Amino acid sequence: MRDRLGVSTGARGIGLVAMLALDVVGVGVRVVGAAGAQQGDPTTFGSNVRSGGDISTPDFRVTRYKGVSATQDVSSSSTAYTNMPGLSISFRQGGTIDSPVMITFQGEWIGSCTTQDRALLRLTIDGVTQPGPGDDNSPFSAHEGTEDSTNGFTFVSAPVSPGIHTASIQWASVGGNSICVDERQMILEHR
């Protein structure tokens, strides 16, 4: 069966599924579309319950994004979480209702440390640890070992109120040995 443009409706369905894929653009990652969205509409993420069922998140729209990158080698041996150097973003959450933000982290973990420990990551907004991967109930390990590799993760926050906020990626060493990261990037998508 073909639509009015002569495109197979089966191919169109595949195209709609493909539109849900993330598109890497320049220094950022953005969602490029969703089934039923009109051109120019912000993308709607549509699940009422976040993975694990721990937070109810209404549909929300991403209308803006910001990113930061850092390239200097940094290391830490702190077992207490600290802000990863260069990975904090201040942003103005728009809208009139609380809604989640999405943060993507990507980092090149380097083996220049003599004994590289297991690196834990978490997301904070305004100094408050966000629930889900990386919180006290579910520590998230971004890297372990001395080999060089690039690893990342996408965090979805609890609903954030309209206004000015600061999001930060924090890291900690499990055993108190060094953890080392070189090039890294943080992308925040918000309303």
Foldseek 3Di string as FASTA:
>chain_A
DADPVRHDVVVVVVVQVVQQDWDDDDQDIDRREHPPDDPPFFHWDCDQADPVRPAGFHIDGFDDKDKWKAFAKDKFLAQDKDFDPGFKDKDFFDDAAFHKKKKKKKWWWALPFPAAAFKWKFKDKQNHTFDDDCDPVHTDTQDGTRHIDMGMDMDIGHTDGGGIMMMTMIMHGNRRGMTMTGIMMMMMTHD
